[in-house]
C-alpha atoms as a PDB file:
ATOM      1  CA  UNK A   1      36.515 -16.242-161.729  1.00  0.00           C
ATOM      2  CA  UNK A   2      38.056 -13.601-163.924  1.00  0.00           C
ATOM      3  CA  UNK A   3      38.499 -16.187-166.525  1.00  0.00           C
ATOM      4  CA  UNK A   4      34.775 -17.088-166.570  1.00  0.00           C
ATOM      5  CA  UNK A   5      34.001 -13.623-166.786  1.00  0.00           C
ATOM      6  CA  UNK A   6      35.769 -13.448-169.943  1.00  0.00           C
ATOM      7  CA  UNK A   7      34.528 -16.023-171.536  1.00  0.00           C
ATOM      8  CA  UNK A   8      30.919 -14.798-171.221  1.00  0.00           C
ATOM      9  CA  UNK A   9      31.956 -11.606-172.538  1.00  0.00           C
ATOM     10  CA  UNK A  10      32.999 -13.566-175.643  1.00  0.00           C
ATOM     11  CA  UNK A  11      29.226 -14.664-176.229  1.00  0.00           C
ATOM     12  CA  UNK A  12      28.028 -11.078-175.920  1.00  0.00           C
ATOM     13  CA  UNK A  13      26.392 -10.177-179.392  1.00  0.00           C
ATOM     14  CA  UNK A  14      27.518  -7.371-180.990  1.00  0.00           C
ATOM     15  CA  UNK A  15      26.200  -4.918-183.489  1.00  0.00           C
ATOM     16  CA  UNK A  16      26.634  -1.946-185.611  1.00  0.00           C
ATOM     17  CA  UNK A  17      24.740   1.191-186.610  1.00  0.00           C
ATOM     18  CA  UNK A  18      24.403   2.115-190.216  1.00  0.00           C
ATOM     19  CA  UNK A  19      23.295   5.750-191.006  1.00  0.00           C
ATOM     20  CA  UNK A  20      22.292   6.694-194.591  1.00  0.00           C
ATOM     21  CA  UNK A  21      22.710  10.855-194.185  1.00  0.00           C
ATOM     22  CA  UNK A  22      20.489  12.395-196.822  1.00  0.00           C
ATOM     23  CA  UNK A  23      19.513  15.985-197.668  1.00  0.00           C
ATOM     24  CA  UNK A  24      16.356  15.903-196.840  1.00  0.00           C
ATOM     25  CA  UNK A  25      16.302  12.342-194.383  1.00  0.00           C
ATOM     26  CA  UNK A  26      18.318  10.431-192.361  1.00  0.00           C
ATOM     27  CA  UNK A  27      17.982   6.969-192.529  1.00  0.00           C
ATOM     28  CA  UNK A  28      19.317   4.417-190.037  1.00  0.00           C
ATOM     29  CA  UNK A  29      19.592   0.835-188.872  1.00  0.00           C
ATOM     30  CA  UNK A  30      20.905  -1.588-186.585  1.00  0.00           C
ATOM     31  CA  UNK A  31      22.556  -4.436-188.176  1.00  0.00           C
ATOM     32  CA  UNK A  32      24.460  -7.743-186.504  1.00  0.00           C
ATOM     33  CA  UNK A  33      27.599  -9.215-188.055  1.00  0.00           C
ATOM     34  CA  UNK A  34      26.197 -11.434-190.225  1.00  0.00           C
ATOM     35  CA  UNK A  35      23.986  -8.464-191.978  1.00  0.00           C
ATOM     36  CA  UNK A  36      20.898  -9.513-190.813  1.00  0.00           C
ATOM     37  CA  UNK A  37      18.658  -6.013-189.699  1.00  0.00           C
ATOM     38  CA  UNK A  38      17.454  -5.576-186.252  1.00  0.00           C
ATOM     39  CA  UNK A  39      15.513  -2.472-186.569  1.00  0.00           C
ATOM     40  CA  UNK A  40      15.335   0.659-188.751  1.00  0.00           C
ATOM     41  CA  UNK A  41      13.951   3.950-188.818  1.00  0.00           C
ATOM     42  CA  UNK A  42      14.677   7.611-190.190  1.00  0.00           C
ATOM     43  CA  UNK A  43      14.046  11.020-189.117  1.00  0.00           C
ATOM     44  CA  UNK A  44      14.167  14.559-190.988  1.00  0.00           C
ATOM     45  CA  UNK A  45      17.932  15.945-191.352  1.00  0.00           C
ATOM     46  CA  UNK A  46      16.876  19.046-190.820  1.00  0.00           C
ATOM     47  CA  UNK A  47      19.595  20.691-192.498  1.00  0.00           C
ATOM     48  CA  UNK A  48      18.520  24.105-192.616  1.00  0.00           C
ATOM     49  CA  UNK A  49      18.652  24.151-189.209  1.00  0.00           C
ATOM     50  CA  UNK A  50      22.423  24.063-189.118  1.00  0.00           C
ATOM     51  CA  UNK A  51      25.144  21.125-188.233  1.00  0.00           C
ATOM     52  CA  UNK A  52      24.216  20.869-184.688  1.00  0.00           C
ATOM     53  CA  UNK A  53      20.881  20.137-185.355  1.00  0.00           C
ATOM     54  CA  UNK A  54      21.872  17.242-187.599  1.00  0.00           C
ATOM     55  CA  UNK A  55      24.052  15.847-185.425  1.00  0.00           C
ATOM     56  CA  UNK A  56      21.127  15.636-182.785  1.00  0.00           C
ATOM     57  CA  UNK A  57      18.958  14.111-185.429  1.00  0.00           C
ATOM     58  CA  UNK A  58      21.501  11.454-185.861  1.00  0.00           C
ATOM     59  CA  UNK A  59      21.625  11.099-182.118  1.00  0.00           C
ATOM     60  CA  UNK A  60      18.044  11.070-181.127  1.00  0.00           C
ATOM     61  CA  UNK A  61      17.484   8.300-184.161  1.00  0.00           C
ATOM     62  CA  UNK A  62      20.500   6.281-182.923  1.00  0.00           C
ATOM     63  CA  UNK A  63      18.469   6.361-179.161  1.00  0.00           C
ATOM     64  CA  UNK A  64      15.640   5.352-180.553  1.00  0.00           C
ATOM     65  CA  UNK A  65      16.944   2.325-182.290  1.00  0.00           C
ATOM     66  CA  UNK A  66      18.987   0.894-179.241  1.00  0.00           C
ATOM     67  CA  UNK A  67      15.980   1.400-176.964  1.00  0.00           C
ATOM     68  CA  UNK A  68      13.898  -0.636-179.487  1.00  0.00           C
ATOM     69  CA  UNK A  69      15.630  -3.169-179.832  1.00  0.00           C
ATOM     70  CA  UNK A  70      17.185  -3.267-176.089  1.00  0.00           C
ATOM     71  CA  UNK A  71      20.746  -2.779-176.914  1.00  0.00           C
ATOM     72  CA  UNK A  72      22.940  -2.148-174.263  1.00  0.00           C
ATOM     73  CA  UNK A  73      26.163   0.400-175.052  1.00  0.00           C
ATOM     74  CA  UNK A  74      28.672  -2.123-174.661  1.00  0.00           C
ATOM     75  CA  UNK A  75      26.906  -4.159-177.565  1.00  0.00           C
ATOM     76  CA  UNK A  76      27.027  -1.021-180.517  1.00  0.00           C
ATOM     77  CA  UNK A  77      30.421  -1.006-181.518  1.00  0.00           C
ATOM     78  CA  UNK A  78      30.370   1.055-184.028  1.00  0.00           C
ATOM     79  CA  UNK A  79      28.559   3.037-186.792  1.00  0.00           C
ATOM     80  CA  UNK A  80      29.003   3.609-190.102  1.00  0.00           C
ATOM     81  CA  UNK A  81      27.717   6.873-191.940  1.00  0.00           C
ATOM     82  CA  UNK A  82      27.392   7.983-195.887  1.00  0.00           C
ATOM     83  CA  UNK A  83      27.629  11.390-196.635  1.00  0.00           C
ATOM     84  CA  UNK A  84      26.189  12.987-199.894  1.00  0.00           C
ATOM     85  CA  UNK A  85      29.364  14.718-200.750  1.00  0.00           C
ATOM     86  CA  UNK A  86      33.076  14.400-200.696  1.00  0.00           C
ATOM     87  CA  UNK A  87      34.550  12.810-197.790  1.00  0.00           C
ATOM     88  CA  UNK A  88      38.581  12.548-196.242  1.00  0.00           C
ATOM     89  CA  UNK A  89      38.019   8.746-194.606  1.00  0.00           C
ATOM     90  CA  UNK A  90      41.038   8.929-192.800  1.00  0.00           C
ATOM     91  CA  UNK A  91      40.622  12.294-190.955  1.00  0.00           C
ATOM     92  CA  UNK A  92      36.907  12.337-190.618  1.00  0.00           C
ATOM     93  CA  UNK A  93      36.162  15.310-192.427  1.00  0.00           C
ATOM     94  CA  UNK A  94      33.249  16.088-195.087  1.00  0.00           C
ATOM     95  CA  UNK A  95      35.194  17.841-197.037  1.00  0.00           C
ATOM     96  CA  UNK A  96      32.346  19.418-199.306  1.00  0.00           C
ATOM     97  CA  UNK A  97      28.826  18.501-198.758  1.00  0.00           C
ATOM     98  CA  UNK A  98      26.697  20.820-200.661  1.00  0.00           C
ATOM     99  CA  UNK A  99      22.942  19.606-199.525  1.00  0.00           C
ATOM    100  CA  UNK A 100      23.964  20.077-196.054  1.00  0.00           C
ATOM    101  CA  UNK A 101      25.797  23.044-196.153  1.00  0.00           C
ATOM    102  CA  UNK A 102      28.982  21.801-194.975  1.00  0.00           C
ATOM    103  CA  UNK A 103      32.815  22.288-195.928  1.00  0.00           C
ATOM    104  CA  UNK A 104      35.582  21.169-193.918  1.00  0.00           C
ATOM    105  CA  UNK A 105      33.005  19.255-191.413  1.00  0.00           C
ATOM    106  CA  UNK A 106      34.852  17.275-188.979  1.00  0.00           C
ATOM    107  CA  UNK A 107      31.720  15.063-188.389  1.00  0.00           C
ATOM    108  CA  UNK A 108      33.821  11.633-187.337  1.00  0.00           C
ATOM    109  CA  UNK A 109      35.159  13.544-184.140  1.00  0.00           C
ATOM    110  CA  UNK A 110      31.740  15.115-183.056  1.00  0.00           C
ATOM    111  CA  UNK A 111      29.476  11.918-183.502  1.00  0.00           C
ATOM    112  CA  UNK A 112      31.956   9.885-181.455  1.00  0.00           C
ATOM    113  CA  UNK A 113      31.438  12.242-178.772  1.00  0.00           C
ATOM    114  CA  UNK A 114      27.776  12.050-178.988  1.00  0.00           C
ATOM    115  CA  UNK A 115      27.779   8.486-179.621  1.00  0.00           C
ATOM    116  CA  UNK A 116      30.051   6.980-177.626  1.00  0.00           C
ATOM    117  CA  UNK A 117      31.488   4.902-180.338  1.00  0.00           C
ATOM    118  CA  UNK A 118      33.760   4.536-182.912  1.00  0.00           C
ATOM    119  CA  UNK A 119      32.532   5.741-186.340  1.00  0.00           C
ATOM    120  CA  UNK A 120      33.933   5.812-189.967  1.00  0.00           C
ATOM    121  CA  UNK A 121      32.612   8.108-192.802  1.00  0.00           C
ATOM    122  CA  UNK A 122      32.197   7.591-196.650  1.00  0.00           C
ATOM    123  CA  UNK A 123      30.691   8.896-199.284  1.00  0.00           C
ATOM    124  CA  UNK A 124      26.634   7.679-199.963  1.00  0.00           C
ATOM    125  CA  UNK A 125      27.790   6.040-203.401  1.00  0.00           C
ATOM    126  CA  UNK A 126      30.364   3.885-202.046  1.00  0.00           C
ATOM    127  CA  UNK A 127      28.093   2.529-198.856  1.00  0.00           C
ATOM    128  CA  UNK A 128      25.335   1.525-200.715  1.00  0.00           C
ATOM    129  CA  UNK A 129      27.744  -0.346-203.585  1.00  0.00           C
ATOM    130  CA  UNK A 130      29.165  -1.731-199.740  1.00  0.00           C
ATOM    131  CA  UNK A 131      25.796  -2.709-199.169  1.00  0.00           C
ATOM    132  CA  UNK A 132      24.663  -3.956-202.250  1.00  0.00           C
ATOM    133  CA  UNK A 133      27.914  -6.700-202.107  1.00  0.00           C
ATOM    134  CA  UNK A 134      27.324  -7.721-198.827  1.00  0.00           C
ATOM    135  CA  UNK A 135      23.550  -8.360-198.628  1.00  0.00           C
ATOM    136  CA  UNK A 136      22.169  -7.299-202.312  1.00  0.00           C
ATOM    137  CA  UNK A 137      22.539  -8.188-205.820  1.00  0.00           C
ATOM    138  CA  UNK A 138      26.757  -7.810-205.914  1.00  0.00           C
ATOM    139  CA  UNK A 139      27.164 -11.341-202.789  1.00  0.00           C
ATOM    140  CA  UNK A 140      28.664 -13.505-205.487  1.00  0.00           C
ATOM    141  CA  UNK A 141      31.034 -10.700-206.624  1.00  0.00           C
ATOM    142  CA  UNK A 142      34.666  -8.712-205.378  1.00  0.00           C
ATOM    143  CA  UNK A 143      35.217  -6.479-208.162  1.00  0.00           C
ATOM    144  CA  UNK A 144      32.026  -4.524-208.598  1.00  0.00           C
ATOM    145  CA  UNK A 145      30.890  -1.398-210.917  1.00  0.00           C
ATOM    146  CA  UNK A 146      27.601   0.376-209.329  1.00  0.00           C
ATOM    147  CA  UNK A 147      26.098   3.106-210.871  1.00  0.00           C
ATOM    148  CA  UNK A 148      22.879   4.467-209.333  1.00  0.00           C
ATOM    149  CA  UNK A 149      20.726   6.935-211.820  1.00  0.00           C
ATOM    150  CA  UNK A 150      18.048   9.331-209.957  1.00  0.00           C
ATOM    151  CA  UNK A 151      18.044  13.303-209.474  1.00  0.00           C
ATOM    152  CA  UNK A 152      21.801  12.753-210.406  1.00  0.00           C
ATOM    153  CA  UNK A 153      23.865  10.425-211.352  1.00  0.00           C
ATOM    154  CA  UNK A 154      25.902   8.478-208.320  1.00  0.00           C
ATOM    155  CA  UNK A 155      28.817   5.590-208.764  1.00  0.00           C
ATOM    156  CA  UNK A 156      31.143   3.462-207.293  1.00  0.00           C
ATOM    157  CA  UNK A 157      34.045   0.850-207.584  1.00  0.00           C
ATOM    158  CA  UNK A 158      34.663  -2.005-205.721  1.00  0.00           C
ATOM    159  CA  UNK A 159      37.874  -4.109-206.485  1.00  0.00           C
ATOM    160  CA  UNK A 160      38.965  -6.897-203.948  1.00  0.00           C
ATOM    161  CA  UNK A 161      35.961  -6.283-202.087  1.00  0.00           C
ATOM    162  CA  UNK A 162      37.509  -2.810-201.036  1.00  0.00           C
ATOM    163  CA  UNK A 163      36.358   0.525-202.030  1.00  0.00           C
ATOM    164  CA  UNK A 164      38.354   2.297-204.754  1.00  0.00           C
ATOM    165  CA  UNK A 165      38.653   6.293-203.290  1.00  0.00           C
ATOM    166  CA  UNK A 166      41.314   7.035-205.550  1.00  0.00           C
ATOM    167  CA  UNK A 167      44.013  10.246-205.059  1.00  0.00           C
ATOM    168  CA  UNK A 168      41.207  12.723-204.328  1.00  0.00           C
ATOM    169  CA  UNK A 169      39.130  10.398-201.813  1.00  0.00           C
ATOM    170  CA  UNK A 170      35.586  10.326-204.110  1.00  0.00           C
ATOM    171  CA  UNK A 171      36.776   7.144-206.635  1.00  0.00           C
ATOM    172  CA  UNK A 172      34.800   7.029-209.411  1.00  0.00           C
ATOM    173  CA  UNK A 173      32.198   9.892-210.089  1.00  0.00           C
ATOM    174  CA  UNK A 174      30.531   8.263-213.512  1.00  0.00           C
ATOM    175  CA  UNK A 175      27.667  11.448-213.027  1.00  0.00           C
ATOM    176  CA  UNK A 176      30.500  13.537-214.672  1.00  0.00           C
ATOM    177  CA  UNK A 177      32.550  11.405-217.045  1.00  0.00           C
ATOM    178  CA  UNK A 178      32.066  13.922-220.289  1.00  0.00           C
ATOM    179  CA  UNK A 179      29.600  11.792-223.018  1.00  0.00           C
ATOM    180  CA  UNK A 180      29.133  15.003-225.577  1.00  0.00           C
ATOM    181  CA  UNK A 181      31.428  17.295-226.139  1.00  0.00           C
ATOM    182  CA  UNK A 182      29.268  20.118-226.633  1.00  0.00           C
ATOM    183  CA  UNK A 183      26.394  19.145-224.185  1.00  0.00           C
ATOM    184  CA  UNK A 184      24.304  20.749-221.989  1.00  0.00           C
ATOM    185  CA  UNK A 185      26.376  22.761-219.265  1.00  0.00           C
ATOM    186  CA  UNK A 186      26.448  20.870-215.828  1.00  0.00           C
ATOM    187  CA  UNK A 187      26.305  22.453-212.059  1.00  0.00           C
ATOM    188  CA  UNK A 188      30.072  21.059-212.014  1.00  0.00           C
ATOM    189  CA  UNK A 189      31.172  23.954-214.611  1.00  0.00           C
ATOM    190  CA  UNK A 190      31.747  21.348-217.408  1.00  0.00           C
ATOM    191  CA  UNK A 191      29.877  20.333-220.597  1.00  0.00           C
ATOM    192  CA  UNK A 192      28.134  17.201-221.747  1.00  0.00           C
ATOM    193  CA  UNK A 193      28.460  15.368-218.250  1.00  0.00           C
ATOM    194  CA  UNK A 194      26.795  12.339-218.047  1.00  0.00           C
ATOM    195  CA  UNK A 195      24.477  13.460-215.374  1.00  0.00           C
ATOM    196  CA  UNK A 196      23.307  16.165-217.852  1.00  0.00           C
ATOM    197  CA  UNK A 197      21.866  13.652-220.454  1.00  0.00           C
ATOM    198  CA  UNK A 198      20.974  10.745-218.392  1.00  0.00           C
ATOM    199  CA  UNK A 199      19.684  11.613-214.864  1.00  0.00           C
ATOM    200  CA  UNK A 200      16.318  11.672-214.091  1.00  0.00           C
ATOM    201  CA  UNK A 201      16.834  15.361-214.155  1.00  0.00           C
ATOM    202  CA  UNK A 202      17.874  15.304-217.876  1.00  0.00           C
ATOM    203  CA  UNK A 203      15.099  12.639-219.015  1.00  0.00           C
ATOM    204  CA  UNK A 204      12.558  14.947-217.416  1.00  0.00           C
ATOM    205  CA  UNK A 205      13.975  17.925-219.461  1.00  0.00           C
ATOM    206  CA  UNK A 206      14.467  16.723-222.364  1.00  0.00           C
ATOM    207  CA  UNK A 207      10.964  15.232-222.497  1.00  0.00           C
ATOM    208  CA  UNK A 208       9.885  19.134-221.784  1.00  0.00           C
ATOM    209  CA  UNK A 209      11.642  20.098-224.398  1.00  0.00           C
ATOM    210  CA  UNK A 210      10.372  17.516-227.069  1.00  0.00           C
ATOM    211  CA  UNK A 211       6.394  18.767-225.273  1.00  0.00           C
ATOM    212  CA  UNK A 212       7.350  22.564-226.170  1.00  0.00           C
ATOM    213  CA  UNK A 213       7.999  21.564-230.104  1.00  0.00           C
ATOM    214  CA  UNK A 214       4.538  20.704-229.946  1.00  0.00           C
ATOM    215  CA  UNK A 215       4.744  16.532-230.065  1.00  0.00           C
ATOM    216  CA  UNK A 216       2.021  14.523-229.127  1.00  0.00           C
ATOM    217  CA  UNK A 217       2.307  12.195-225.905  1.00  0.00           C
ATOM    218  CA  UNK A 218       0.659  10.732-223.423  1.00  0.00           C
ATOM    219  CA  UNK A 219       2.655  13.138-220.965  1.00  0.00           C
ATOM    220  CA  UNK A 220       0.975  15.972-222.211  1.00  0.00           C
ATOM    221  CA  UNK A 221      -1.468  18.334-219.789  1.00  0.00           C
ATOM    222  CA  UNK A 222       1.097  17.200-216.705  1.00  0.00           C
ATOM    223  CA  UNK A 223       0.998  20.183-214.507  1.00  0.00           C
ATOM    224  CA  UNK A 224       4.082  18.319-212.762  1.00  0.00           C
ATOM    225  CA  UNK A 225       5.961  15.927-215.231  1.00  0.00           C
ATOM    226  CA  UNK A 226       8.398  13.501-213.230  1.00  0.00           C
ATOM    227  CA  UNK A 227      10.796  10.721-214.680  1.00  0.00           C
ATOM    228  CA  UNK A 228       8.456   8.023-213.601  1.00  0.00           C
ATOM    229  CA  UNK A 229       5.738   9.873-215.954  1.00  0.00           C
ATOM    230  CA  UNK A 230       8.077   9.456-218.791  1.00  0.00           C
ATOM    231  CA  UNK A 231       8.574   5.813-217.501  1.00  0.00           C
ATOM    232  CA  UNK A 232       5.601   4.976-217.486  1.00  0.00           C
ATOM    233  CA  UNK A 233       4.315   6.584-220.656  1.00  0.00           C
ATOM    234  CA  UNK A 234       7.231   4.790-222.541  1.00  0.00           C
ATOM    235  CA  UNK A 235       6.036   1.801-220.819  1.00  0.00           C
ATOM    236  CA  UNK A 236       2.661   2.017-222.378  1.00  0.00           C
ATOM    237  CA  UNK A 237       3.873   2.617-225.915  1.00  0.00           C
ATOM    238  CA  UNK A 238       4.398   6.802-226.136  1.00  0.00           C
ATOM    239  CA  UNK A 239       6.752   7.283-228.797  1.00  0.00           C
ATOM    240  CA  UNK A 240       8.190  10.721-227.248  1.00  0.00           C
ATOM    241  CA  UNK A 241       8.750   9.005-223.775  1.00  0.00           C
ATOM    242  CA  UNK A 242      10.343   6.351-225.743  1.00  0.00           C
ATOM    243  CA  UNK A 243      12.618   8.538-227.630  1.00  0.00           C
ATOM    244  CA  UNK A 244      13.751   9.954-224.568  1.00  0.00           C
ATOM    245  CA  UNK A 245      14.475   7.009-222.610  1.00  0.00           C
ATOM    246  CA  UNK A 246      16.548   5.800-225.872  1.00  0.00           C
ATOM    247  CA  UNK A 247      18.711   8.490-225.914  1.00  0.00           C
ATOM    248  CA  UNK A 248      19.508   8.447-222.022  1.00  0.00           C
ATOM    249  CA  UNK A 249      19.862   4.547-222.151  1.00  0.00           C
ATOM    250  CA  UNK A 250      22.531   5.306-225.478  1.00  0.00           C
ATOM    251  CA  UNK A 251      24.535   7.385-223.295  1.00  0.00           C
ATOM    252  CA  UNK A 252      24.560   5.261-219.856  1.00  0.00           C
ATOM    253  CA  UNK A 253      25.896   2.356-222.681  1.00  0.00           C
ATOM    254  CA  UNK A 254      28.441   4.148-223.745  1.00  0.00           C
ATOM    255  CA  UNK A 255      29.224   5.183-220.471  1.00  0.00           C
ATOM    256  CA  UNK A 256      29.143   1.912-218.519  1.00  0.00           C
ATOM    257  CA  UNK A 257      31.163   0.068-221.718  1.00  0.00           C
ATOM    258  CA  UNK A 258      34.186   2.848-221.148  1.00  0.00           C
ATOM    259  CA  UNK A 259      34.099   2.074-217.617  1.00  0.00           C
ATOM    260  CA  UNK A 260      33.903  -1.763-217.798  1.00  0.00           C
ATOM    261  CA  UNK A 261      37.005  -1.510-220.654  1.00  0.00           C
ATOM    262  CA  UNK A 262      39.119   0.723-217.892  1.00  0.00           C
ATOM    263  CA  UNK A 263      38.416  -1.034-214.841  1.00  0.00           C
ATOM    264  CA  UNK A 264      37.496  -4.934-215.795  1.00  0.00           C
ATOM    265  CA  UNK A 265      34.949  -5.680-213.086  1.00  0.00           C
ATOM    266  CA  UNK A 266      32.723  -8.666-212.941  1.00  0.00           C
ATOM    267  CA  UNK A 267      29.338  -7.360-212.428  1.00  0.00           C
ATOM    268  CA  UNK A 268      27.232  -3.787-213.010  1.00  0.00           C
ATOM    269  CA  UNK A 269      25.049  -3.077-210.793  1.00  0.00           C
ATOM    270  CA  UNK A 270      22.344  -0.343-211.217  1.00  0.00           C
ATOM    271  CA  UNK A 271      20.589   1.595-208.798  1.00  0.00           C
ATOM    272  CA  UNK A 272      18.289   4.233-208.807  1.00  0.00           C
ATOM    273  CA  UNK A 273      14.783   5.243-209.462  1.00  0.00           C
ATOM    274  CA  UNK A 274      15.044   5.249-213.086  1.00  0.00           C
ATOM    275  CA  UNK A 275      17.061   1.846-212.980  1.00  0.00           C
ATOM    276  CA  UNK A 276      14.026   0.019-211.229  1.00  0.00           C
ATOM    277  CA  UNK A 277      11.827   0.867-214.150  1.00  0.00           C
ATOM    278  CA  UNK A 278      12.736  -2.412-216.047  1.00  0.00           C
ATOM    279  CA  UNK A 279      13.170  -3.584-219.306  1.00  0.00           C
ATOM    280  CA  UNK A 280      11.650  -0.023-220.757  1.00  0.00           C
ATOM    281  CA  UNK A 281      15.182   1.099-219.852  1.00  0.00           C
ATOM    282  CA  UNK A 282      17.318  -1.610-219.355  1.00  0.00           C
ATOM    283  CA  UNK A 283      16.636  -3.302-223.015  1.00  0.00           C
ATOM    284  CA  UNK A 284      18.154  -0.507-225.000  1.00  0.00           C
ATOM    285  CA  UNK A 285      20.644   0.208-222.412  1.00  0.00           C
ATOM    286  CA  UNK A 286      22.136  -3.712-223.145  1.00  0.00           C
ATOM    287  CA  UNK A 287      22.080  -3.294-226.577  1.00  0.00           C
ATOM    288  CA  UNK A 288      24.083  -0.027-226.417  1.00  0.00           C
ATOM    289  CA  UNK A 289      26.307  -1.352-223.761  1.00  0.00           C
ATOM    290  CA  UNK A 290      26.766  -4.453-225.949  1.00  0.00           C
ATOM    291  CA  UNK A 291      27.088  -2.570-228.885  1.00  0.00           C
ATOM    292  CA  UNK A 292      30.085  -0.270-227.482  1.00  0.00           C
ATOM    293  CA  UNK A 293      31.895  -3.028-226.123  1.00  0.00           C
ATOM    294  CA  UNK A 294      31.784  -4.648-229.392  1.00  0.00           C
ATOM    295  CA  UNK A 295      34.449  -7.866-229.792  1.00  0.00           C
ATOM    296  CA  UNK A 296      36.084  -6.782-226.387  1.00  0.00           C
ATOM    297  CA  UNK A 297      32.863  -8.182-224.405  1.00  0.00           C
ATOM    298  CA  UNK A 298      34.913 -11.990-224.580  1.00  0.00           C
ATOM    299  CA  UNK A 299      32.247 -13.598-221.656  1.00  0.00           C
ATOM    300  CA  UNK A 300      28.996 -12.328-220.750  1.00  0.00           C
ATOM    301  CA  UNK A 301      29.274  -9.363-218.124  1.00  0.00           C
ATOM    302  CA  UNK A 302      25.945  -9.764-215.608  1.00  0.00           C
ATOM    303  CA  UNK A 303      24.043  -6.345-215.356  1.00  0.00           C
ATOM    304  CA  UNK A 304      22.136  -6.429-212.492  1.00  0.00           C
ATOM    305  CA  UNK A 305      18.944  -4.078-210.471  1.00  0.00           C
ATOM    306  CA  UNK A 306      20.389  -3.277-207.087  1.00  0.00           C
ATOM    307  CA  UNK A 307      18.484  -5.436-204.405  1.00  0.00           C
ATOM    308  CA  UNK A 308      18.481  -3.634-201.459  1.00  0.00           C
ATOM    309  CA  UNK A 309      16.704  -0.367-202.481  1.00  0.00           C
ATOM    310  CA  UNK A 310      16.719   2.525-199.831  1.00  0.00           C
ATOM    311  CA  UNK A 311      18.814  -0.363-197.164  1.00  0.00           C
ATOM    312  CA  UNK A 312      21.472  -0.460-199.390  1.00  0.00           C
ATOM    313  CA  UNK A 313      22.928   2.934-197.611  1.00  0.00           C
ATOM    314  CA  UNK A 314      22.677   2.353-193.933  1.00  0.00           C
ATOM    315  CA  UNK A 315      23.448  -1.754-194.165  1.00  0.00           C
ATOM    316  CA  UNK A 316      26.609  -0.586-196.380  1.00  0.00           C
ATOM    317  CA  UNK A 317      27.791   2.159-193.514  1.00  0.00           C
ATOM    318  CA  UNK A 318      27.241  -0.696-190.915  1.00  0.00           C
ATOM    319  CA  UNK A 319      29.159  -3.091-193.105  1.00  0.00           C
ATOM    320  CA  UNK A 320      32.128  -0.413-193.241  1.00  0.00           C
ATOM    321  CA  UNK A 321      32.019  -0.174-189.789  1.00  0.00           C
ATOM    322  CA  UNK A 322      32.465  -3.807-189.102  1.00  0.00           C
ATOM    323  CA  UNK A 323      35.116  -3.961-191.630  1.00  0.00           C
ATOM    324  CA  UNK A 324      36.589  -1.052-190.142  1.00  0.00           C
ATOM    325  CA  UNK A 325      36.560  -2.670-186.692  1.00  0.00           C
ATOM    326  CA  UNK A 326      38.345  -5.766-188.264  1.00  0.00           C
ATOM    327  CA  UNK A 327      41.341  -3.741-189.516  1.00  0.00           C
ATOM    328  CA  UNK A 328      39.987  -4.825-193.441  1.00  0.00           C
ATOM    329  CA  UNK A 329      38.499  -1.015-194.557  1.00  0.00           C
ATOM    330  CA  UNK A 330      41.764   1.031-194.713  1.00  0.00           C
END
């Protein structure tokens, strides 16, 4: 009788919770061990209400997702969570997450008590890269450099299928690679960081500066200028917008070439809203990238667009939980 019960237990389907914790929104999903998404959802983060309010939002979202697909407590085996900040993976601490106002916050321990399952944390860029490796553009690769170009610039390095975290735990920080010695001051305190010259924020700032010089442009007259406006105008042939994007693409190409020469990935994956603009930025980026690599580009290196969009974070977080359960994620 006992043996029959064990055999039955082995056939129970198991699932993993992935959470992408952002400054304004928490995205989550329940994923099976092959990467299929059973359900997904999101709730406001409520960071302004304090850490306990954020934890309550995660708990509520988890309950909602489980109820939606009828999963029992025993079937949900673990949770992964991507954090927008510095994370001590082994200790389960959020060292610093400015958007959440957290410093040395013991998130893993608190979530394990709330959810009743093992929890593993990592930086949000890392889990997004894991998501792309598992179910997105990186499925055929084990050595990946991923860069996301949005409000800021995030990045991750995966080597032999494992996240490279480095001695400080945050792995690759390409947003703060210095590409212009006397460039703009960055919030990190440095000057000429890639983030200050090629992010969506930087693109908007540079476009505004050109408009203030009185240059003609389709962008003139817009009350609220956003990066997507610059991308659209560039696609329509606007000279000012094209110049701004070409400049940003140039810095990106140099930074990516330097990173490739250093770590030798088999693929580069580009994510974030700016990268999704297509050839208007990919064309000049590839040109500058290949120029900077020069004779060292012995064979073609794929530059691919990320495929999972805003699902990458929670899919990668679920994969992180699955990997740690198997003992592969340490």
